[in-house]
Amino acid sequence: MSSLTTRGVLFVHSAPRALCAHIEWAAGGAIDARASFEWTAQPAAPGHMRAEMSWQAPQGSGAKIASALRGWEHLRFEVTEEPSHGVDGGRWSHTPDLGIFHAVTDVHGNIMVPEDRIRAAMDVAAGDPVRLTREMDLALGRAWDQELEPFRYAGDGAPVRWLHKVG
């Protein structure tokens, strides 16, 4: 892995209380740092918890965190990684129903859809504007945004913790 560092945020939008300690362990293990989150109730999902963790670690750590958490039942999360020297940023979104979505992001957090993906969407749509819209929605992760939006708003004003890779 690169010795260059970057930073990002893990947003745990919704997790059963029983998973909280396991999430801390998995996220910290992904970047070789101890993680202790400040969990708060998730109003959008009664009985579930939410937390945010800002992190600083080697480039590529966003993917490691997302991989450590993907596929867990009843878990909704997003991981962002800021662009850094020679590397684009990224966003990983996960919901129980949709699974994981990854997108490359620019310095402002905008999703960057690669040229080949746009060409593929145009080929699949074959001139049908409705189909092209569906393909571009898929490329932009619209379904994930729609499912996660109520959980994002429910977290406004929640505390954030910093996690740093040591050594």
Protein backbone atom coordinates (compact mmCIF):
# COMPACT_ATOMS: atom_id res chain seq x y z
CA MET A 1 0.00 0.00 0.00
CA SER A 2 1.09 3.56 -0.62
CA SER A 3 2.97 5.50 2.03
CA LEU A 4 1.09 8.65 0.96
CA THR A 5 -1.82 9.47 3.22
CA THR A 6 -5.27 10.77 2.62
CA ARG A 7 -8.36 11.25 4.72
CA GLY A 8 -12.02 10.55 4.59
CA VAL A 9 -15.14 9.87 6.58
CA LEU A 10 -17.03 6.72 7.48
CA PHE A 11 -20.74 7.44 7.94
CA VAL A 12 -22.53 4.57 9.63
CA HIS A 13 -26.07 5.63 8.84
CA SER A 14 -27.89 2.73 10.44
CA ALA A 15 -26.69 -0.29 12.40
CA PRO A 16 -28.32 -2.61 14.92
CA ARG A 17 -26.95 -1.93 18.41
CA ALA A 18 -25.45 -5.44 18.51
CA LEU A 19 -23.17 -4.62 15.53
CA CYS A 20 -21.68 -1.41 16.92
CA ALA A 21 -18.60 -2.92 18.59
CA HIS A 22 -18.00 -5.16 15.55
CA ILE A 23 -18.13 -2.13 13.24
CA GLU A 24 -15.57 -0.30 15.38
CA TRP A 25 -13.29 -3.34 15.30
CA ALA A 26 -13.63 -3.86 11.53
CA ALA A 27 -13.16 -0.17 10.62
CA GLY A 28 -10.15 0.20 12.89
CA GLY A 29 -8.67 -3.06 11.66
CA ALA A 30 -8.96 -1.91 8.06
CA ILE A 31 -6.52 0.93 8.72
CA ASP A 32 -4.56 -0.48 11.67
CA ALA A 33 -5.94 1.99 14.20
CA ARG A 34 -8.10 1.71 17.29
CA ALA A 35 -11.65 2.93 16.67
CA SER A 36 -14.12 4.08 19.28
CA PHE A 37 -17.22 5.76 17.91
CA GLU A 38 -19.72 8.01 19.64
CA TRP A 39 -22.95 6.18 18.82
CA THR A 40 -26.29 7.99 18.79
CA ALA A 41 -29.80 6.77 18.10
CA GLN A 42 -30.87 6.80 14.44
CA PRO A 43 -34.32 8.46 14.33
CA ALA A 44 -34.95 7.17 10.79
CA ALA A 45 -34.65 3.56 12.03
CA PRO A 46 -35.87 3.05 15.60
CA GLY A 47 -33.65 0.63 17.50
CA HIS A 48 -30.68 1.35 15.25
CA MET A 49 -27.60 3.47 15.91
CA ARG A 50 -25.53 5.88 13.82
CA ALA A 51 -21.99 7.28 14.03
CA GLU A 52 -19.41 9.17 11.99
CA MET A 53 -15.68 8.66 11.99
CA SER A 54 -13.19 10.88 10.21
CA TRP A 55 -10.02 9.00 9.35
CA GLN A 56 -6.52 9.63 8.07
CA ALA A 57 -4.56 6.71 6.63
CA PRO A 58 -2.69 5.54 3.51
CA GLN A 59 -4.26 6.00 0.08
CA GLY A 60 -6.73 3.23 -0.68
CA SER A 61 -7.96 2.95 2.90
CA GLY A 62 -11.50 3.97 1.94
CA ALA A 63 -11.78 0.78 -0.11
CA LYS A 64 -10.37 -1.26 2.78
CA ILE A 65 -12.95 0.16 5.20
CA ALA A 66 -15.82 -0.42 2.75
CA SER A 67 -14.64 -3.98 2.10
CA ALA A 68 -14.46 -4.71 5.82
CA LEU A 69 -18.10 -3.65 6.28
CA ARG A 70 -19.81 -4.66 3.04
CA GLY A 71 -22.50 -7.27 3.14
CA TRP A 72 -23.34 -6.98 6.84
CA GLU A 73 -27.03 -7.46 7.39
CA HIS A 74 -29.07 -4.38 8.36
CA LEU A 75 -26.04 -2.06 7.93
CA ARG A 76 -26.20 1.17 5.95
CA PHE A 77 -23.00 3.12 5.50
CA GLU A 78 -20.94 5.38 3.28
CA VAL A 79 -17.19 5.81 3.11
CA THR A 80 -15.53 8.76 1.44
CA GLU A 81 -11.86 9.13 0.56
CA GLU A 82 -10.53 12.52 -0.50
CA PRO A 83 -8.38 12.80 -3.61
CA SER A 84 -4.68 12.89 -2.84
CA HIS A 85 -1.43 13.14 -4.74
CA GLY A 86 -1.88 11.07 -7.92
CA VAL A 87 -5.11 9.40 -6.77
CA ASP A 88 -8.76 10.27 -7.36
CA GLY A 89 -11.19 10.37 -4.49
CA GLY A 90 -13.90 7.79 -3.95
CA ARG A 91 -17.24 7.13 -2.35
CA TRP A 92 -18.62 3.74 -1.35
CA SER A 93 -22.29 3.45 -0.40
CA HIS A 94 -23.89 0.33 1.04
CA THR A 95 -27.46 -0.67 1.84
CA PRO A 96 -28.80 -4.09 2.79
CA ASP A 97 -31.08 -4.23 -0.27
CA LEU A 98 -28.75 -2.77 -2.90
CA GLY A 99 -25.34 -3.94 -1.75
CA ILE A 100 -22.32 -1.75 -2.45
CA PHE A 101 -21.84 1.10 -4.93
CA HIS A 102 -18.51 2.74 -5.72
CA ALA A 103 -17.83 5.97 -7.58
CA VAL A 104 -14.74 8.02 -8.33
CA THR A 105 -15.04 11.57 -6.98
CA ASP A 106 -13.35 14.89 -7.69
CA VAL A 107 -11.96 17.39 -5.17
CA HIS A 108 -15.49 18.71 -4.53
CA GLY A 109 -17.03 15.28 -3.92
CA ASN A 110 -18.79 15.15 -7.30
CA ILE A 111 -19.11 11.74 -8.91
CA MET A 112 -16.97 11.42 -12.02
CA VAL A 113 -18.46 9.00 -14.54
CA PRO A 114 -15.72 7.60 -16.81
CA GLU A 115 -16.00 8.04 -20.57
CA ASP A 116 -16.28 4.29 -21.17
CA ARG A 117 -19.19 4.04 -18.72
CA ILE A 118 -21.03 6.84 -20.52
CA ARG A 119 -20.42 5.19 -23.89
CA ALA A 120 -21.69 1.86 -22.53
CA ALA A 121 -24.85 3.56 -21.21
CA MET A 122 -25.43 5.14 -24.62
CA ASP A 123 -24.92 1.77 -26.36
CA VAL A 124 -27.31 -0.02 -24.00
CA ALA A 125 -29.93 2.75 -24.37
CA ALA A 126 -29.73 2.56 -28.18
CA GLY A 127 -31.41 5.95 -28.57
CA ASP A 128 -34.12 5.36 -25.94
CA PRO A 129 -34.04 8.39 -23.61
CA VAL A 130 -35.84 6.56 -20.80
CA ARG A 131 -33.31 3.72 -20.90
CA LEU A 132 -30.42 6.22 -21.04
CA THR A 133 -31.79 7.92 -17.93
CA ARG A 134 -31.93 4.54 -16.14
CA GLU A 135 -28.35 3.73 -17.17
CA MET A 136 -27.04 7.11 -16.03
CA ASP A 137 -28.95 6.82 -12.73
CA LEU A 138 -27.16 3.50 -12.19
CA ALA A 139 -23.77 5.06 -13.04
CA LEU A 140 -24.43 7.87 -10.55
CA GLY A 141 -25.73 5.61 -7.76
CA ARG A 142 -29.13 7.26 -7.62
CA ALA A 143 -30.87 4.29 -5.97
CA TRP A 144 -28.29 4.32 -3.15
CA ASP A 145 -28.71 8.07 -2.67
CA GLN A 146 -32.49 7.72 -2.53
CA GLU A 147 -32.33 4.94 0.05
CA LEU A 148 -29.70 6.67 2.21
CA GLU A 149 -31.07 10.22 2.10
CA PRO A 150 -33.49 9.87 5.06
CA PHE A 151 -30.65 8.43 7.14
CA ARG A 152 -28.29 11.26 6.17
CA TYR A 153 -30.73 13.95 7.26
CA ALA A 154 -31.39 12.18 10.53
CA GLY A 155 -27.68 12.56 11.32
CA ASP A 156 -27.45 16.34 10.95
CA GLY A 157 -25.55 17.79 13.90
CA ALA A 158 -24.22 14.42 15.07
CA PRO A 159 -20.75 14.32 16.64
CA VAL A 160 -17.74 13.25 14.57
CA ARG A 161 -14.62 11.43 15.83
CA TRP A 162 -11.18 11.42 14.23
CA LEU A 163 -9.25 8.19 13.69
CA HIS A 164 -5.57 8.30 12.70
CA LYS A 165 -3.34 5.48 11.62
CA VAL A 166 -0.41 5.47 14.02
CA GLY A 167 3.13 4.69 12.90
